[in-house]
Protein backbone atom coordinates (compact mmCIF):
# COMPACT_ATOMS: atom_id res chain seq x y z
CA UNK A 1 5.93 -150.15 66.54
CA UNK A 2 7.61 -146.43 67.50
CA UNK A 3 8.73 -144.29 64.63
CA UNK A 4 10.19 -140.29 64.09
CA UNK A 5 8.09 -139.40 61.13
CA UNK A 6 8.35 -136.10 59.16
CA UNK A 7 4.87 -134.98 58.27
CA UNK A 8 5.10 -131.83 57.12
CA UNK A 9 8.27 -129.50 55.69
CA UNK A 10 9.25 -126.77 57.94
CA UNK A 11 12.32 -123.95 58.39
CA UNK A 12 13.72 -125.44 61.88
CA UNK A 13 14.42 -122.11 63.00
CA UNK A 14 10.65 -122.01 63.15
CA UNK A 15 9.88 -125.22 64.25
CA UNK A 16 12.29 -127.29 66.61
CA UNK A 17 10.17 -130.48 66.55
CA UNK A 18 9.85 -131.37 62.84
CA UNK A 19 9.49 -135.03 63.61
CA UNK A 20 6.73 -136.99 65.34
CA UNK A 21 6.91 -139.93 67.48
CA UNK A 22 4.35 -141.83 66.30
CA UNK A 23 2.70 -145.40 66.46
CA UNK A 24 2.23 -147.25 63.01
CA UNK A 25 2.14 -151.15 61.97
CA UNK A 26 5.41 -152.94 61.39
CA UNK A 27 6.04 -153.29 57.86
CA UNK A 28 5.38 -156.55 55.81
CA UNK A 29 8.73 -157.40 53.42
CA UNK A 30 7.67 -158.19 50.13
CA UNK A 31 8.88 -161.32 48.19
CA UNK A 32 12.93 -160.13 47.79
CA UNK A 33 12.61 -158.13 50.50
CA UNK A 34 14.07 -158.24 54.37
CA UNK A 35 12.20 -156.50 57.54
CA UNK A 36 14.97 -154.95 59.62
CA UNK A 37 15.14 -154.68 63.29
CA UNK A 38 16.87 -151.28 63.60
CA UNK A 39 19.18 -151.11 66.74
CA UNK A 40 20.84 -148.16 65.65
CA UNK A 41 20.57 -145.33 63.09
CA UNK A 42 22.42 -142.27 62.43
CA UNK A 43 21.80 -138.85 61.80
CA UNK A 44 22.80 -137.19 58.97
CA UNK A 45 22.65 -133.45 57.43
CA UNK A 46 20.68 -134.66 54.77
CA UNK A 47 18.08 -135.30 56.85
CA UNK A 48 17.91 -131.08 57.70
CA UNK A 49 17.68 -130.84 54.02
CA UNK A 50 14.85 -133.19 53.35
CA UNK A 51 12.80 -131.37 56.26
CA UNK A 52 13.39 -127.77 55.15
CA UNK A 53 12.58 -128.87 51.97
CA UNK A 54 16.21 -128.38 49.79
CA UNK A 55 15.98 -132.10 48.81
CA UNK A 56 11.92 -132.88 49.50
CA UNK A 57 10.58 -136.44 49.86
CA UNK A 58 8.18 -136.74 47.08
CA UNK A 59 5.33 -138.34 49.22
CA UNK A 60 4.13 -137.35 53.10
CA UNK A 61 5.02 -138.77 55.56
CA UNK A 62 8.03 -140.38 55.87
CA UNK A 63 10.43 -141.61 58.22
CA UNK A 64 13.89 -140.49 57.94
CA UNK A 65 17.19 -142.25 58.44
CA UNK A 66 19.75 -143.72 56.18
CA UNK A 67 22.70 -145.24 58.30
CA UNK A 68 20.50 -147.55 59.04
CA UNK A 69 21.91 -150.90 61.68
CA UNK A 70 19.90 -154.19 62.66
CA UNK A 71 18.59 -157.45 62.82
CA UNK A 72 16.51 -159.58 59.59
CA UNK A 73 13.61 -160.10 61.61
CA UNK A 74 11.61 -161.55 58.64
CA UNK A 75 12.09 -162.21 54.64
CA UNK A 76 10.14 -162.37 51.61
CA UNK A 77 9.65 -165.61 49.95
CA UNK A 78 12.37 -164.94 47.10
CA UNK A 79 14.83 -163.62 49.34
CA UNK A 80 18.20 -165.71 48.85
CA UNK A 81 21.10 -164.20 49.88
CA UNK A 82 20.50 -163.17 53.66
CA UNK A 83 18.66 -164.96 56.54
CA UNK A 84 16.70 -164.16 59.88
CA UNK A 85 19.06 -163.32 62.55
CA UNK A 86 21.92 -161.27 60.14
CA UNK A 87 23.13 -158.23 61.22
CA UNK A 88 22.58 -156.12 58.23
CA UNK A 89 23.18 -152.02 57.22
CA UNK A 90 20.98 -149.93 55.03
CA UNK A 91 22.51 -146.95 53.50
CA UNK A 92 21.17 -143.90 51.55
CA UNK A 93 21.03 -145.88 48.62
CA UNK A 94 17.81 -147.78 48.43
CA UNK A 95 17.12 -149.31 44.83
CA UNK A 96 18.24 -148.21 41.44
CA UNK A 97 17.07 -149.57 38.01
CA UNK A 98 20.09 -152.38 37.12
CA UNK A 99 19.14 -151.18 33.60
CA UNK A 100 19.80 -147.62 32.47
CA UNK A 101 23.19 -146.71 31.06
CA UNK A 102 24.43 -145.83 34.32
CA UNK A 103 23.56 -148.75 36.29
CA UNK A 104 25.34 -150.77 33.79
CA UNK A 105 28.75 -148.65 33.73
CA UNK A 106 29.13 -149.04 37.68
CA UNK A 107 27.47 -145.39 38.51
CA UNK A 108 24.38 -146.61 39.68
CA UNK A 109 24.68 -143.21 42.00
CA UNK A 110 23.15 -141.41 38.97
CA UNK A 111 20.73 -143.67 38.03
CA UNK A 112 17.83 -141.51 36.72
CA UNK A 113 15.45 -143.73 39.21
CA UNK A 114 17.85 -143.51 42.13
CA UNK A 115 15.65 -143.68 45.68
CA UNK A 116 17.25 -142.58 48.71
CA UNK A 117 16.55 -144.39 52.14
CA UNK A 118 14.56 -142.21 54.77
CA UNK A 119 13.57 -139.89 51.36
CA UNK A 120 12.03 -141.72 48.41
CA UNK A 121 11.33 -144.74 51.58
CA UNK A 122 11.06 -145.15 54.93
CA UNK A 123 13.79 -145.29 56.59
CA UNK A 124 15.67 -146.22 59.97
CA UNK A 125 14.10 -143.82 62.50
CA UNK A 126 11.91 -146.64 63.48
CA UNK A 127 11.88 -149.92 65.09
CA UNK A 128 11.57 -151.52 62.04
CA UNK A 129 11.87 -150.92 58.36
CA UNK A 130 11.97 -152.52 55.01
CA UNK A 131 14.74 -153.25 52.20
CA UNK A 132 15.05 -155.90 49.27
CA UNK A 133 18.11 -157.91 49.88
CA UNK A 134 19.83 -156.71 47.36
CA UNK A 135 20.59 -153.07 49.07
CA UNK A 136 21.44 -154.33 52.34
CA UNK A 137 25.33 -154.99 53.68
CA UNK A 138 26.32 -157.18 56.09
CA UNK A 139 27.88 -155.40 58.73
CA UNK A 140 31.70 -156.74 60.33
CA UNK A 141 31.93 -158.79 63.84
CA UNK A 142 34.34 -156.16 64.59
CA UNK A 143 32.27 -153.04 64.95
CA UNK A 144 29.29 -152.41 67.41
CA UNK A 145 26.03 -151.49 66.16
CA UNK A 146 26.62 -147.61 67.72
CA UNK A 147 29.66 -147.53 65.94
CA UNK A 148 28.71 -149.18 62.36
CA UNK A 149 26.08 -146.74 61.93
CA UNK A 150 27.84 -143.51 60.76
CA UNK A 151 29.70 -145.85 58.62
CA UNK A 152 26.79 -146.60 56.07
CA UNK A 153 26.94 -142.86 54.63
CA UNK A 154 29.40 -140.60 56.44
CA UNK A 155 32.05 -142.69 56.06
CA UNK A 156 30.66 -144.34 52.53
CA UNK A 157 30.03 -140.92 51.33
CA UNK A 158 33.42 -139.67 52.50
CA UNK A 159 35.76 -142.79 50.84
CA UNK A 160 34.10 -141.62 47.56
CA UNK A 161 35.01 -138.29 47.91
CA UNK A 162 38.23 -138.93 48.95
CA UNK A 163 38.61 -140.92 45.99
CA UNK A 164 37.22 -138.41 43.64
CA UNK A 165 39.97 -135.95 44.83
CA UNK A 166 42.47 -137.97 42.67
CA UNK A 167 45.01 -137.49 46.19
CA UNK A 168 48.26 -139.05 45.47
CA UNK A 169 50.49 -139.84 48.77
CA UNK A 170 52.85 -136.59 49.91
CA UNK A 171 50.20 -133.92 48.84
CA UNK A 172 48.38 -131.86 50.64
CA UNK A 173 44.91 -131.99 51.54
CA UNK A 174 42.15 -129.46 53.09
CA UNK A 175 39.12 -130.43 54.72
CA UNK A 176 36.09 -127.91 54.74
CA UNK A 177 33.89 -128.45 57.92
CA UNK A 178 34.61 -130.64 60.50
CA UNK A 179 31.59 -132.97 60.75
CA UNK A 180 30.34 -136.53 60.93
CA UNK A 181 31.68 -137.34 57.18
CA UNK A 182 34.62 -135.37 57.22
CA UNK A 183 36.83 -136.63 61.06
CA UNK A 184 36.10 -140.35 59.31
CA UNK A 185 38.14 -139.04 55.81
CA UNK A 186 41.02 -137.97 58.01
CA UNK A 187 41.00 -141.10 59.48
CA UNK A 188 41.08 -142.61 56.15
CA UNK A 189 43.72 -140.26 54.71
CA UNK A 190 46.16 -140.53 57.59
CA UNK A 191 46.10 -144.23 56.49
CA UNK A 192 45.80 -144.28 52.85
CA UNK A 193 48.01 -141.39 52.41
CA UNK A 194 50.40 -141.47 55.26
CA UNK A 195 52.85 -138.80 54.00
CA UNK A 196 50.08 -136.25 52.56
CA UNK A 197 49.87 -133.51 55.11
CA UNK A 198 45.79 -132.67 56.24
CA UNK A 199 44.57 -129.17 56.75
CA UNK A 200 41.09 -128.38 58.48
CA UNK A 201 39.02 -125.36 57.95
CA UNK A 202 36.37 -125.49 60.40
CA UNK A 203 33.82 -122.55 61.85
CA UNK A 204 33.82 -123.94 65.87
CA UNK A 205 37.16 -123.67 67.67
CA UNK A 206 35.53 -127.36 68.73
CA UNK A 207 36.12 -128.90 65.80
CA UNK A 208 39.26 -127.27 65.08
CA UNK A 209 40.44 -128.56 68.29
CA UNK A 210 38.71 -131.90 67.57
CA UNK A 211 41.01 -132.19 64.11
CA UNK A 212 44.18 -131.64 65.91
CA UNK A 213 43.12 -134.24 68.34
CA UNK A 214 42.90 -136.38 65.02
CA UNK A 215 46.22 -135.81 63.53
CA UNK A 216 45.66 -132.21 61.30
CA UNK A 217 48.48 -130.69 61.04
CA UNK A 218 46.64 -127.48 61.00
CA UNK A 219 43.30 -126.39 61.87
CA UNK A 220 41.72 -122.84 61.10
CA UNK A 221 38.24 -120.72 60.42
CA UNK A 222 36.69 -121.21 57.43
CA UNK A 223 37.99 -117.75 56.34
CA UNK A 224 41.88 -118.27 57.21
CA UNK A 225 44.54 -119.25 54.43
CA UNK A 226 46.29 -122.58 55.09
CA UNK A 227 50.11 -121.91 55.02
CA UNK A 228 50.28 -123.88 52.03
CA UNK A 229 48.21 -124.32 49.03
CA UNK A 230 46.51 -127.71 49.29
CA UNK A 231 46.45 -129.92 46.53
CA UNK A 232 43.13 -131.42 46.97
CA UNK A 233 40.12 -130.11 49.29
CA UNK A 234 36.98 -131.60 50.40
CA UNK A 235 33.95 -129.69 51.07
CA UNK A 236 31.56 -131.11 53.67
CA UNK A 237 29.34 -127.97 54.94
CA UNK A 238 26.08 -126.79 53.95
CA UNK A 239 27.00 -123.48 52.69
CA UNK A 240 28.80 -121.89 49.75
CA UNK A 241 31.21 -119.57 52.03
CA UNK A 242 33.22 -122.35 52.47
CA UNK A 243 33.21 -123.21 48.95
CA UNK A 244 34.67 -119.74 47.76
CA UNK A 245 37.23 -119.47 50.65
CA UNK A 246 38.37 -123.27 49.81
CA UNK A 247 39.41 -122.28 46.41
CA UNK A 248 41.76 -119.76 47.56
CA UNK A 249 43.47 -122.30 49.14
CA UNK A 250 43.58 -124.77 46.39
CA UNK A 251 46.63 -125.09 44.57
CA UNK A 252 47.01 -125.01 40.87
CA UNK A 253 45.48 -127.58 39.14
CA UNK A 254 44.28 -128.62 41.98
CA UNK A 255 40.66 -129.93 42.71
CA UNK A 256 37.52 -129.18 45.06
CA UNK A 257 35.24 -132.26 46.17
CA UNK A 258 31.74 -130.76 47.02
CA UNK A 259 30.32 -133.35 49.29
CA UNK A 260 27.10 -132.01 49.65
CA UNK A 261 23.48 -133.18 48.38
CA UNK A 262 22.77 -129.54 48.68
CA UNK A 263 23.66 -125.92 49.60
CA UNK A 264 21.33 -123.62 52.36
CA UNK A 265 20.42 -119.79 50.81
CA UNK A 266 23.70 -118.09 50.86
CA UNK A 267 23.77 -117.46 47.59
CA UNK A 268 25.04 -113.71 47.62
CA UNK A 269 28.64 -115.95 48.89
CA UNK A 270 28.97 -116.69 45.21
CA UNK A 271 29.15 -112.81 44.42
CA UNK A 272 33.00 -113.05 46.03
CA UNK A 273 34.51 -115.11 43.23
CA UNK A 274 37.34 -114.10 41.61
CA UNK A 275 37.95 -115.32 38.52
CA UNK A 276 41.88 -114.97 38.88
CA UNK A 277 42.17 -115.79 42.57
CA UNK A 278 39.90 -118.80 42.72
CA UNK A 279 39.39 -120.43 39.62
CA UNK A 280 42.39 -119.75 37.15
CA UNK A 281 45.08 -122.08 36.86
CA UNK A 282 43.28 -125.10 35.96
CA UNK A 283 41.58 -125.48 39.20
CA UNK A 284 38.67 -127.81 38.75
CA UNK A 285 35.21 -128.37 40.82
CA UNK A 286 33.75 -131.69 41.42
CA UNK A 287 30.27 -132.82 43.06
CA UNK A 288 29.90 -136.27 45.18
CA UNK A 289 26.08 -137.51 43.74
CA UNK A 290 24.83 -140.16 46.15
CA UNK A 291 26.54 -143.67 46.52
CA UNK A 292 26.91 -146.66 44.71
CA UNK A 293 26.49 -150.05 46.23
CA UNK A 294 30.22 -150.92 45.43
CA UNK A 295 31.48 -147.52 47.51
CA UNK A 296 29.49 -149.02 50.76
CA UNK A 297 31.01 -152.57 50.46
CA UNK A 298 34.62 -151.28 49.45
CA UNK A 299 34.56 -148.74 52.39
CA UNK A 300 33.54 -151.49 55.49
CA UNK A 301 36.42 -153.52 53.80
CA UNK A 302 38.80 -150.47 54.51
CA UNK A 303 37.13 -149.66 57.74
CA UNK A 304 38.18 -153.09 58.90
CA UNK A 305 41.36 -153.13 57.81
CA UNK A 306 42.06 -150.11 59.26
CA UNK A 307 40.26 -150.79 62.20
CA UNK A 308 37.97 -147.68 61.70
CA UNK A 309 36.38 -146.02 65.10
CA UNK A 310 34.04 -142.97 64.48
CA UNK A 311 33.55 -141.24 67.24
CA UNK A 312 29.57 -140.99 68.40
CA UNK A 313 27.10 -139.52 70.32
CA UNK A 314 24.38 -141.26 71.34
CA UNK A 315 20.62 -140.25 71.40
CA UNK A 316 16.86 -142.14 71.77
CA UNK A 317 14.64 -142.81 69.02
CA UNK A 318 12.73 -140.19 70.89
CA UNK A 319 15.58 -137.26 71.00
CA UNK A 320 15.63 -137.41 67.41
CA UNK A 321 14.84 -133.54 67.21
CA UNK A 322 17.32 -132.82 69.71
CA UNK A 323 19.74 -134.29 67.98
CA UNK A 324 18.88 -133.09 64.61
CA UNK A 325 18.66 -129.24 65.68
CA UNK A 326 22.18 -129.77 67.54
CA UNK A 327 23.41 -130.74 63.92
CA UNK A 328 21.47 -127.48 62.18
CA UNK A 329 23.11 -125.31 65.18
CA UNK A 330 26.88 -126.68 64.90
CA UNK A 331 27.07 -128.57 67.77
CA UNK A 332 29.24 -131.27 66.73
CA UNK A 333 32.07 -133.83 67.56
CA UNK A 334 32.21 -137.18 65.43
CA UNK A 335 28.74 -138.93 64.49
CA UNK A 336 25.19 -138.26 66.17
CA UNK A 337 23.50 -141.59 66.21
CA UNK A 338 20.09 -142.93 67.38
CA UNK A 339 19.85 -145.79 69.71
CA UNK A 340 16.18 -147.75 69.95
CA UNK A 341 15.50 -149.75 73.44
């Protein structure tokens, strides 16, 4: 099979071809695993964090990709819930122990043994992959493969982020950064909180225009002040500066939810923190850590309910490096998706 493989960590400013097109054997599913013939795989900023070493894979080489859609090509001898030919998806959560205090409380995203697709196990930048049947999701018929792929991470993690804001209908929501996840959050917020105004902060004019097209009442640059203080803000950027700026736009008692697995190295921005301006008045900071299977399932049901459509840019598997560099340099409109032949 063909796969785009990460063989060494690197700085993408110095190496714009971090993944190598490689011919590999088709993996064989174990007893409780399925073999998936991949048709589409979303491209996520987390892949940049893996490649550049902010959340490095524990071993190399590795096949990235954790927004995977395909058809079941073969099943292990003890698989019970999935059959050959089923269309399923795989998300960031590849496995969890199922027995620790976090798993038992429904917080498997915090499991110490949490394993991530495309980082701790081979992912979907390939023609085939294997995964345990319990960590595969039926894809609703309503969505094409290309439409479904971003739902499995950008959508599911966006769903968790929106839930963690504690937003109530009529309160003002801010979105800092406007890429694959944020554009889906905007649509979710419009559906779930029809009386809430949505304000967007984004570094590029293109992203701001896109946000207004989708219904944001206001869109400005990262450093701008919204016309009103905001009750909740979701940050989906890779940098610290937007976090500091978002805190200045937050209402007293408001909550900033940071939806990022890592932040890049602009730590100097934190020196701009001014306690009375940014943190006082009982403002809250909350991070998003991974997702649970429940998040994915609930979000897919919501996506059907609201007939959610993700905006996608399509790349061939062999163009994975190009898609990643566009993501790194801010050439973003919706979600980028790899389409297999």
